[in-house]
Amino acid sequence: MGLVYDVFAQTLSGSVGDQRFQLRAFSGGGRGKSTGLDSGETDLRSWLSTTRTDQRRGIRGGPIPPGVYECVYTANHHKFRECIFLKPALSAVRIYTPFANHPIDHRRSRFYIHGRGDHGSDGCIVPEDASERKRLNAAIRDNPNVTLNVIHAAYELPAELRIETQIV
């Protein structure tokens, strides 16, 4: 039993219990808003999992980092109401890549699957179809121990991160 979120394809798919899912879903850069577009949606930085939200500079957070997450049903979150908390496994706390000498610590770990709204996403997963999101919520509520594997996420390498902080 498990789900896969493909950041590049913007698809959330898999099975939970006896139910199958194939949803269009957004993550990062303000994507998934209920109305209008956000400039972050066209910015390359908004597609990098290592991009953190910086409201002072108008930077939206990037998509959810790659790795495995445990799906935890949440009946009434203070902001998102009914949603799914994505509890990161060790593989989702750091990005492991053959291109870096050490794992990349992205320091962002509070992600959810939640509904669309005025703000959009700074890393959470936001399904396009509200009825399918509610069906997913119910399936995860009724079937504990569901995992989500996030794949095809882009990220900056450590050297690029150091250069960016020196330039700005």
N, C-alpha and C. Protein backbone atom coordinates (compact mmCIF):
# COMPACT_ATOMS: atom_id res chain seq x y z
N MET A 1 0.84 -1.17 0.00
CA MET A 1 0.00 0.00 0.00
C MET A 1 0.89 1.24 0.00
N GLY A 2 0.69 2.09 -0.97
CA GLY A 2 1.49 3.29 -0.96
C GLY A 2 1.16 4.23 -2.09
N LEU A 3 1.67 5.44 -1.93
CA LEU A 3 1.46 6.52 -2.89
C LEU A 3 2.81 7.01 -3.41
N VAL A 4 2.78 7.59 -4.60
CA VAL A 4 3.96 8.21 -5.19
C VAL A 4 3.55 9.60 -5.65
N TYR A 5 4.34 10.61 -5.24
CA TYR A 5 4.14 11.95 -5.76
C TYR A 5 5.31 12.26 -6.67
N ASP A 6 5.03 12.51 -7.94
CA ASP A 6 6.03 12.86 -8.94
C ASP A 6 6.00 14.39 -9.07
N VAL A 7 7.04 15.05 -8.54
CA VAL A 7 7.08 16.51 -8.53
C VAL A 7 7.05 17.06 -9.95
N PHE A 8 7.86 16.49 -10.83
CA PHE A 8 7.96 16.99 -12.20
C PHE A 8 6.65 16.82 -12.97
N ALA A 9 6.03 15.65 -12.86
CA ALA A 9 4.78 15.38 -13.57
C ALA A 9 3.56 15.96 -12.86
N GLN A 10 3.72 16.38 -11.60
CA GLN A 10 2.63 16.90 -10.78
C GLN A 10 1.49 15.89 -10.67
N THR A 11 1.87 14.63 -10.35
CA THR A 11 0.87 13.58 -10.19
C THR A 11 1.05 12.88 -8.84
N LEU A 12 -0.06 12.57 -8.22
CA LEU A 12 -0.11 11.79 -6.98
C LEU A 12 -0.87 10.52 -7.33
N SER A 13 -0.20 9.38 -7.21
CA SER A 13 -0.82 8.13 -7.65
C SER A 13 -0.49 7.00 -6.69
N GLY A 14 -1.25 5.93 -6.81
CA GLY A 14 -1.00 4.74 -6.01
C GLY A 14 -2.29 4.18 -5.45
N SER A 15 -2.13 3.33 -4.43
CA SER A 15 -3.31 2.70 -3.85
C SER A 15 -3.26 2.80 -2.33
N VAL A 16 -4.45 2.92 -1.76
CA VAL A 16 -4.65 2.93 -0.31
C VAL A 16 -5.82 2.01 -0.06
N GLY A 17 -5.57 0.91 0.64
CA GLY A 17 -6.62 -0.09 0.82
C GLY A 17 -7.03 -0.63 -0.54
N ASP A 18 -8.32 -0.64 -0.81
CA ASP A 18 -8.80 -1.12 -2.11
C ASP A 18 -9.04 0.01 -3.11
N GLN A 19 -8.60 1.20 -2.78
CA GLN A 19 -8.83 2.35 -3.64
C GLN A 19 -7.57 2.75 -4.41
N ARG A 20 -7.76 3.09 -5.68
CA ARG A 20 -6.66 3.54 -6.52
C ARG A 20 -6.80 5.04 -6.75
N PHE A 21 -5.65 5.72 -6.86
CA PHE A 21 -5.64 7.16 -7.05
C PHE A 21 -4.70 7.53 -8.19
N GLN A 22 -5.14 8.50 -8.97
CA GLN A 22 -4.33 9.10 -10.04
C GLN A 22 -4.78 10.56 -10.11
N LEU A 23 -4.12 11.42 -9.32
CA LEU A 23 -4.55 12.81 -9.18
C LEU A 23 -3.51 13.77 -9.74
N ARG A 24 -3.99 14.87 -10.26
CA ARG A 24 -3.10 15.99 -10.55
C ARG A 24 -2.95 16.75 -9.24
N ALA A 25 -1.71 17.06 -8.86
CA ALA A 25 -1.46 17.74 -7.59
C ALA A 25 -0.25 18.65 -7.73
N PHE A 26 -0.24 19.74 -6.98
CA PHE A 26 0.79 20.77 -7.09
C PHE A 26 1.62 20.82 -5.81
N SER A 27 2.86 21.30 -5.93
CA SER A 27 3.70 21.49 -4.76
C SER A 27 4.70 22.60 -5.03
N GLY A 28 4.74 23.58 -4.14
CA GLY A 28 5.74 24.64 -4.19
C GLY A 28 5.38 25.80 -5.09
N GLY A 29 6.06 26.91 -4.86
CA GLY A 29 5.95 28.08 -5.72
C GLY A 29 4.58 28.73 -5.75
N GLY A 30 3.75 28.49 -4.75
CA GLY A 30 2.42 29.07 -4.75
C GLY A 30 1.45 28.36 -5.68
N ARG A 31 1.89 27.25 -6.28
CA ARG A 31 0.98 26.49 -7.14
C ARG A 31 -0.13 25.88 -6.30
N GLY A 32 -1.26 25.65 -6.90
CA GLY A 32 -2.39 25.05 -6.20
C GLY A 32 -3.32 26.07 -5.57
N LYS A 33 -3.17 27.34 -5.96
CA LYS A 33 -4.09 28.35 -5.44
C LYS A 33 -5.49 28.09 -5.97
N SER A 34 -6.47 28.55 -5.22
CA SER A 34 -7.85 28.35 -5.66
C SER A 34 -8.20 29.28 -6.81
N THR A 35 -7.56 30.45 -6.88
CA THR A 35 -7.81 31.39 -7.98
C THR A 35 -6.51 32.10 -8.35
N GLY A 36 -6.42 32.53 -9.58
CA GLY A 36 -5.30 33.36 -10.03
C GLY A 36 -3.98 32.61 -10.13
N LEU A 37 -2.99 33.34 -10.63
CA LEU A 37 -1.64 32.80 -10.77
C LEU A 37 -0.71 33.55 -9.84
N ASP A 38 0.42 32.94 -9.53
CA ASP A 38 1.42 33.57 -8.68
C ASP A 38 2.72 33.62 -9.47
N SER A 39 3.47 34.71 -9.35
CA SER A 39 4.70 34.84 -10.12
C SER A 39 5.69 33.73 -9.80
N GLY A 40 5.62 33.18 -8.62
CA GLY A 40 6.51 32.07 -8.26
C GLY A 40 6.31 30.85 -9.12
N GLU A 41 5.13 30.73 -9.69
CA GLU A 41 4.84 29.55 -10.51
C GLU A 41 5.72 29.47 -11.76
N THR A 42 6.24 30.59 -12.23
CA THR A 42 7.06 30.58 -13.44
C THR A 42 8.55 30.72 -13.13
N ASP A 43 8.90 30.95 -11.87
CA ASP A 43 10.28 31.12 -11.46
C ASP A 43 10.94 29.76 -11.29
N LEU A 44 12.11 29.57 -11.90
CA LEU A 44 12.82 28.30 -11.79
C LEU A 44 13.06 27.92 -10.34
N ARG A 45 13.37 28.90 -9.50
CA ARG A 45 13.64 28.64 -8.08
C ARG A 45 12.46 27.94 -7.41
N SER A 46 11.24 28.22 -7.87
CA SER A 46 10.06 27.62 -7.25
C SER A 46 9.96 26.12 -7.52
N TRP A 47 10.79 25.58 -8.40
CA TRP A 47 10.80 24.15 -8.71
C TRP A 47 11.91 23.40 -7.97
N LEU A 48 12.72 24.10 -7.15
CA LEU A 48 13.83 23.46 -6.45
C LEU A 48 13.42 23.14 -5.01
N SER A 49 13.55 21.88 -4.61
CA SER A 49 13.14 21.45 -3.27
C SER A 49 13.95 22.12 -2.17
N THR A 50 15.10 22.65 -2.49
CA THR A 50 15.94 23.31 -1.48
C THR A 50 15.58 24.78 -1.29
N THR A 51 14.62 25.32 -2.06
CA THR A 51 14.22 26.72 -1.92
C THR A 51 13.29 26.88 -0.72
N ARG A 52 13.70 27.75 0.20
CA ARG A 52 12.89 28.02 1.39
C ARG A 52 12.13 29.33 1.19
N THR A 53 10.98 29.42 1.84
CA THR A 53 10.17 30.63 1.78
C THR A 53 10.93 31.79 2.44
N ASP A 54 10.93 32.93 1.75
CA ASP A 54 11.50 34.15 2.30
C ASP A 54 10.53 35.28 1.95
N GLN A 55 9.61 35.57 2.86
CA GLN A 55 8.57 36.56 2.57
C GLN A 55 9.14 37.94 2.33
N ARG A 56 10.22 38.31 3.04
CA ARG A 56 10.83 39.63 2.84
C ARG A 56 11.28 39.84 1.40
N ARG A 57 11.81 38.78 0.79
CA ARG A 57 12.32 38.88 -0.58
C ARG A 57 11.31 38.40 -1.61
N GLY A 58 10.12 38.01 -1.17
CA GLY A 58 9.08 37.56 -2.11
C GLY A 58 9.36 36.21 -2.72
N ILE A 59 10.07 35.34 -2.00
CA ILE A 59 10.41 34.01 -2.51
C ILE A 59 9.47 32.99 -1.90
N ARG A 60 8.79 32.27 -2.78
CA ARG A 60 7.91 31.18 -2.34
C ARG A 60 8.76 29.92 -2.16
N GLY A 61 8.35 29.04 -1.25
CA GLY A 61 9.08 27.80 -1.04
C GLY A 61 8.93 26.86 -2.22
N GLY A 62 9.93 26.02 -2.41
CA GLY A 62 9.91 25.04 -3.49
C GLY A 62 9.06 23.83 -3.12
N PRO A 63 9.01 22.84 -4.00
CA PRO A 63 8.19 21.65 -3.76
C PRO A 63 8.74 20.79 -2.63
N ILE A 64 7.94 19.85 -2.22
CA ILE A 64 8.32 18.92 -1.16
C ILE A 64 9.60 18.18 -1.58
N PRO A 65 10.55 18.02 -0.66
CA PRO A 65 11.80 17.32 -0.99
C PRO A 65 11.56 15.83 -1.25
N PRO A 66 12.46 15.21 -2.02
CA PRO A 66 12.32 13.79 -2.31
C PRO A 66 12.51 12.95 -1.05
N GLY A 67 11.97 11.76 -1.08
CA GLY A 67 12.11 10.83 0.02
C GLY A 67 10.80 10.17 0.38
N VAL A 68 10.81 9.43 1.47
CA VAL A 68 9.63 8.68 1.91
C VAL A 68 9.02 9.37 3.12
N TYR A 69 7.69 9.47 3.12
CA TYR A 69 6.94 10.09 4.20
C TYR A 69 5.84 9.14 4.65
N GLU A 70 5.54 9.15 5.93
CA GLU A 70 4.41 8.41 6.47
C GLU A 70 3.19 9.33 6.40
N CYS A 71 2.08 8.84 5.89
CA CYS A 71 0.85 9.62 5.77
C CYS A 71 0.04 9.47 7.06
N VAL A 72 -0.19 10.59 7.75
CA VAL A 72 -0.90 10.58 9.03
C VAL A 72 -2.16 11.43 8.88
N TYR A 73 -3.32 10.77 8.99
CA TYR A 73 -4.59 11.48 8.88
C TYR A 73 -4.73 12.49 10.02
N THR A 74 -5.15 13.71 9.69
CA THR A 74 -5.37 14.77 10.68
C THR A 74 -6.80 15.29 10.48
N ALA A 75 -7.64 15.08 11.47
CA ALA A 75 -9.07 15.42 11.34
C ALA A 75 -9.33 16.92 11.30
N ASN A 76 -8.58 17.70 12.08
CA ASN A 76 -8.88 19.13 12.15
C ASN A 76 -7.63 19.95 12.44
N HIS A 77 -6.80 20.13 11.44
CA HIS A 77 -5.61 20.98 11.56
C HIS A 77 -6.05 22.42 11.72
N HIS A 78 -5.34 23.21 12.52
CA HIS A 78 -5.75 24.59 12.79
C HIS A 78 -5.82 25.47 11.54
N LYS A 79 -5.05 25.15 10.51
CA LYS A 79 -5.06 25.96 9.29
C LYS A 79 -5.73 25.24 8.12
N PHE A 80 -5.42 23.96 7.94
CA PHE A 80 -5.87 23.22 6.75
C PHE A 80 -7.15 22.42 6.96
N ARG A 81 -7.64 22.35 8.18
CA ARG A 81 -8.79 21.51 8.54
C ARG A 81 -8.44 20.05 8.29
N GLU A 82 -9.31 19.29 7.64
CA GLU A 82 -9.02 17.88 7.39
C GLU A 82 -7.89 17.79 6.37
N CYS A 83 -6.82 17.07 6.73
CA CYS A 83 -5.66 16.97 5.84
C CYS A 83 -4.84 15.74 6.20
N ILE A 84 -3.74 15.57 5.51
CA ILE A 84 -2.81 14.47 5.77
C ILE A 84 -1.45 15.08 6.12
N PHE A 85 -0.95 14.81 7.32
CA PHE A 85 0.40 15.22 7.69
C PHE A 85 1.38 14.23 7.08
N LEU A 86 2.45 14.74 6.50
CA LEU A 86 3.47 13.89 5.89
C LEU A 86 4.69 13.86 6.81
N LYS A 87 4.75 12.81 7.60
CA LYS A 87 5.83 12.65 8.58
C LYS A 87 7.05 12.09 7.85
N PRO A 88 8.16 12.85 7.84
CA PRO A 88 9.31 12.42 7.05
C PRO A 88 10.06 11.24 7.67
N ALA A 89 10.39 10.27 6.84
CA ALA A 89 11.33 9.22 7.23
C ALA A 89 12.73 9.81 7.09
N LEU A 90 13.74 9.10 7.51
CA LEU A 90 15.10 9.62 7.44
C LEU A 90 15.48 10.03 6.02
N SER A 91 14.98 9.30 5.02
CA SER A 91 15.31 9.62 3.63
C SER A 91 14.74 10.96 3.19
N ALA A 92 13.75 11.49 3.91
CA ALA A 92 13.13 12.76 3.53
C ALA A 92 13.65 13.93 4.36
N VAL A 93 14.53 13.67 5.31
CA VAL A 93 15.10 14.74 6.12
C VAL A 93 16.29 15.37 5.41
N ARG A 94 16.97 14.57 4.62
CA ARG A 94 18.12 15.03 3.84
C ARG A 94 18.00 14.49 2.43
N ILE A 95 18.55 15.23 1.49
CA ILE A 95 18.56 14.78 0.11
C ILE A 95 19.89 14.06 -0.13
N TYR A 96 19.81 12.79 -0.45
CA TYR A 96 21.00 11.99 -0.72
C TYR A 96 21.23 11.98 -2.23
N THR A 97 22.40 12.43 -2.64
CA THR A 97 22.70 12.54 -4.05
C THR A 97 24.15 12.15 -4.31
N PRO A 98 24.41 11.49 -5.44
CA PRO A 98 25.80 11.15 -5.77
C PRO A 98 26.61 12.39 -6.18
N PHE A 99 25.96 13.52 -6.36
CA PHE A 99 26.64 14.74 -6.81
C PHE A 99 27.19 15.59 -5.67
N ALA A 100 26.93 15.19 -4.43
CA ALA A 100 27.41 15.95 -3.27
C ALA A 100 28.16 15.01 -2.33
N ASN A 101 29.20 15.52 -1.67
CA ASN A 101 29.98 14.70 -0.74
C ASN A 101 29.19 14.31 0.50
N HIS A 102 28.22 15.15 0.89
CA HIS A 102 27.41 14.90 2.08
C HIS A 102 25.94 15.10 1.73
N PRO A 103 25.04 14.46 2.47
CA PRO A 103 23.61 14.70 2.22
C PRO A 103 23.26 16.18 2.39
N ILE A 104 22.30 16.65 1.61
CA ILE A 104 21.86 18.04 1.67
C ILE A 104 20.72 18.14 2.67
N ASP A 105 20.94 18.88 3.75
CA ASP A 105 19.91 19.06 4.77
C ASP A 105 19.01 20.21 4.31
N HIS A 106 17.74 19.91 4.02
CA HIS A 106 16.86 20.97 3.50
C HIS A 106 16.15 21.73 4.61
N ARG A 107 16.20 21.27 5.84
CA ARG A 107 15.67 21.97 7.02
C ARG A 107 14.21 22.37 6.91
N ARG A 108 13.44 21.65 6.13
CA ARG A 108 12.00 21.91 6.04
C ARG A 108 11.33 20.56 6.26
N SER A 109 10.45 20.46 7.24
CA SER A 109 9.92 19.12 7.52
C SER A 109 8.43 19.08 7.84
N ARG A 110 7.70 20.17 7.74
CA ARG A 110 6.27 20.16 8.06
C ARG A 110 5.46 20.28 6.77
N PHE A 111 5.17 19.14 6.17
CA PHE A 111 4.43 19.11 4.91
C PHE A 111 3.11 18.37 5.10
N TYR A 112 2.14 18.77 4.29
CA TYR A 112 0.80 18.19 4.36
C TYR A 112 0.26 17.98 2.95
N ILE A 113 -0.76 17.14 2.84
CA ILE A 113 -1.62 17.10 1.67
C ILE A 113 -2.87 17.84 2.11
N HIS A 114 -3.15 18.97 1.50
CA HIS A 114 -4.28 19.79 1.93
C HIS A 114 -4.99 20.39 0.73
N GLY A 115 -6.11 21.05 0.99
CA GLY A 115 -6.93 21.63 -0.07
C GLY A 115 -6.37 22.93 -0.62
N ARG A 116 -6.95 23.35 -1.72
CA ARG A 116 -6.56 24.60 -2.37
C ARG A 116 -7.02 25.79 -1.54
N GLY A 117 -6.33 26.91 -1.70
CA GLY A 117 -6.70 28.11 -0.96
C GLY A 117 -6.06 29.34 -1.56
N ASP A 118 -6.16 30.45 -0.87
CA ASP A 118 -5.62 31.72 -1.37
C ASP A 118 -4.11 31.73 -1.48
N HIS A 119 -3.43 30.98 -0.62
CA HIS A 119 -1.97 31.02 -0.55
C HIS A 119 -1.29 30.06 -1.51
N GLY A 120 -1.90 28.91 -1.78
CA GLY A 120 -1.24 27.90 -2.61
C GLY A 120 -0.25 27.11 -1.77
N SER A 121 0.79 26.59 -2.39
CA SER A 121 1.73 25.69 -1.73
C SER A 121 3.14 26.27 -1.65
N ASP A 122 3.75 26.12 -0.49
CA ASP A 122 5.18 26.38 -0.30
C ASP A 122 5.88 25.08 0.06
N GLY A 123 5.42 23.99 -0.48
CA GLY A 123 6.03 22.69 -0.24
C GLY A 123 5.03 21.59 0.02
N CYS A 124 3.87 21.92 0.51
CA CYS A 124 2.83 20.91 0.71
C CYS A 124 2.33 20.42 -0.65
N ILE A 125 1.57 19.34 -0.62
CA ILE A 125 0.98 18.80 -1.85
C ILE A 125 -0.50 19.21 -1.86
N VAL A 126 -0.92 19.82 -2.96
CA VAL A 126 -2.28 20.35 -3.08
C VAL A 126 -2.96 19.71 -4.29
N PRO A 127 -3.83 18.70 -4.05
CA PRO A 127 -4.55 18.09 -5.17
C PRO A 127 -5.48 19.10 -5.86
N GLU A 128 -5.59 18.97 -7.17
CA GLU A 128 -6.42 19.88 -7.95
C GLU A 128 -7.91 19.67 -7.66
N ASP A 129 -8.33 18.42 -7.53
CA ASP A 129 -9.74 18.07 -7.37
C ASP A 129 -10.08 17.86 -5.89
N ALA A 130 -10.93 18.71 -5.34
CA ALA A 130 -11.27 18.64 -3.92
C ALA A 130 -11.96 17.33 -3.55
N SER A 131 -12.82 16.80 -4.41
CA SER A 131 -13.53 15.56 -4.08
C SER A 131 -12.55 14.38 -4.02
N GLU A 132 -11.56 14.36 -4.91
CA GLU A 132 -10.55 13.29 -4.89
C GLU A 132 -9.66 13.42 -3.65
N ARG A 133 -9.36 14.65 -3.24
CA ARG A 133 -8.57 14.85 -2.01
C ARG A 133 -9.34 14.32 -0.81
N LYS A 134 -10.64 14.58 -0.76
CA LYS A 134 -11.45 14.08 0.36
C LYS A 134 -11.53 12.56 0.35
N ARG A 135 -11.59 11.97 -0.84
CA ARG A 135 -11.60 10.50 -0.95
C ARG A 135 -10.27 9.94 -0.44
N LEU A 136 -9.17 10.62 -0.78
CA LEU A 136 -7.85 10.21 -0.30
C LEU A 136 -7.76 10.34 1.22
N ASN A 137 -8.25 11.45 1.77
CA ASN A 137 -8.27 11.63 3.23
C ASN A 137 -8.97 10.45 3.91
N ALA A 138 -10.15 10.09 3.40
CA ALA A 138 -10.93 9.00 4.00
C ALA A 138 -10.20 7.66 3.88
N ALA A 139 -9.57 7.44 2.76
CA ALA A 139 -8.83 6.18 2.57
C ALA A 139 -7.66 6.07 3.54
N ILE A 140 -6.94 7.16 3.73
CA ILE A 140 -5.80 7.13 4.67
C ILE A 140 -6.31 7.05 6.11
N ARG A 141 -7.39 7.72 6.43
CA ARG A 141 -7.98 7.61 7.76
C ARG A 141 -8.31 6.15 8.08
N ASP A 142 -8.85 5.43 7.10
CA ASP A 142 -9.31 4.06 7.31
C ASP A 142 -8.21 3.02 7.13
N ASN A 143 -7.04 3.43 6.64
CA ASN A 143 -5.94 2.49 6.39
C ASN A 143 -4.62 3.09 6.89
N PRO A 144 -4.28 2.86 8.15
CA PRO A 144 -3.02 3.40 8.66
C PRO A 144 -1.82 2.74 7.97
N ASN A 145 -0.66 3.28 8.19
CA ASN A 145 0.60 2.76 7.65
C ASN A 145 0.73 2.94 6.14
N VAL A 146 0.24 4.05 5.64
CA VAL A 146 0.40 4.37 4.22
C VAL A 146 1.65 5.24 4.07
N THR A 147 2.46 4.95 3.08
CA THR A 147 3.65 5.77 2.82
C THR A 147 3.50 6.50 1.50
N LEU A 148 4.22 7.61 1.42
CA LEU A 148 4.29 8.42 0.21
C LEU A 148 5.75 8.52 -0.19
N ASN A 149 6.05 8.18 -1.43
CA ASN A 149 7.41 8.31 -1.95
C ASN A 149 7.42 9.48 -2.92
N VAL A 150 8.21 10.51 -2.62
CA VAL A 150 8.32 11.70 -3.48
C VAL A 150 9.51 11.50 -4.41
N ILE A 151 9.23 11.61 -5.71
CA ILE A 151 10.28 11.37 -6.72
C ILE A 151 10.37 12.56 -7.68
N HIS A 152 11.43 12.58 -8.46
CA HIS A 152 11.67 13.56 -9.52
C HIS A 152 11.63 15.00 -9.03
N ALA A 153 12.27 15.24 -7.90
CA ALA A 153 12.38 16.59 -7.35
C ALA A 153 13.75 17.16 -7.71
N ALA A 154 13.77 18.39 -8.15
CA ALA A 154 15.04 19.07 -8.46
C ALA A 154 15.54 19.78 -7.20
N TYR A 155 16.84 20.00 -7.11
CA TYR A 155 17.44 20.66 -5.96
C TYR A 155 18.76 21.29 -6.36
N GLU A 156 19.20 22.25 -5.57
CA GLU A 156 20.50 22.87 -5.79
C GLU A 156 21.55 22.06 -5.05
N LEU A 157 22.74 22.01 -5.64
CA LEU A 157 23.85 21.35 -4.97
C LEU A 157 24.44 22.29 -3.93
N PRO A 158 25.15 21.75 -2.93
CA PRO A 158 25.70 22.60 -1.86
C PRO A 158 26.54 23.77 -2.35
N ALA A 159 27.39 23.59 -3.34
CA ALA A 159 28.22 24.70 -3.83
C ALA A 159 27.33 25.82 -4.36
N GLU A 160 26.26 25.48 -5.05
CA GLU A 160 25.36 26.50 -5.56
C GLU A 160 24.66 27.24 -4.43
N LEU A 161 24.34 26.52 -3.36
CA LEU A 161 23.70 27.17 -2.22
C LEU A 161 24.63 28.19 -1.57
N ARG A 162 25.92 27.85 -1.45
CA ARG A 162 26.88 28.79 -0.87
C ARG A 162 27.05 30.01 -1.74
N ILE A 163 27.11 29.83 -3.07
CA ILE A 163 27.26 30.97 -3.98
C ILE A 163 26.05 31.88 -3.86
N GLU A 164 24.84 31.33 -3.81
CA GLU A 164 23.64 32.16 -3.72
C GLU A 164 23.65 33.02 -2.46
N THR A 165 24.06 32.47 -1.33
CA THR A 165 24.05 33.26 -0.10
C THR A 165 25.13 34.34 -0.12
N GLN A 166 26.21 34.14 -0.88
CA GLN A 166 27.25 35.16 -0.97
C GLN A 166 26.85 36.29 -1.90
N ILE A 167 26.11 36.00 -2.96
CA ILE A 167 25.72 37.01 -3.93
C ILE A 167 24.66 37.93 -3.37
N VAL A 168 23.71 37.38 -2.66
CA VAL A 168 22.56 38.15 -2.19
C VAL A 168 22.89 39.12 -1.11
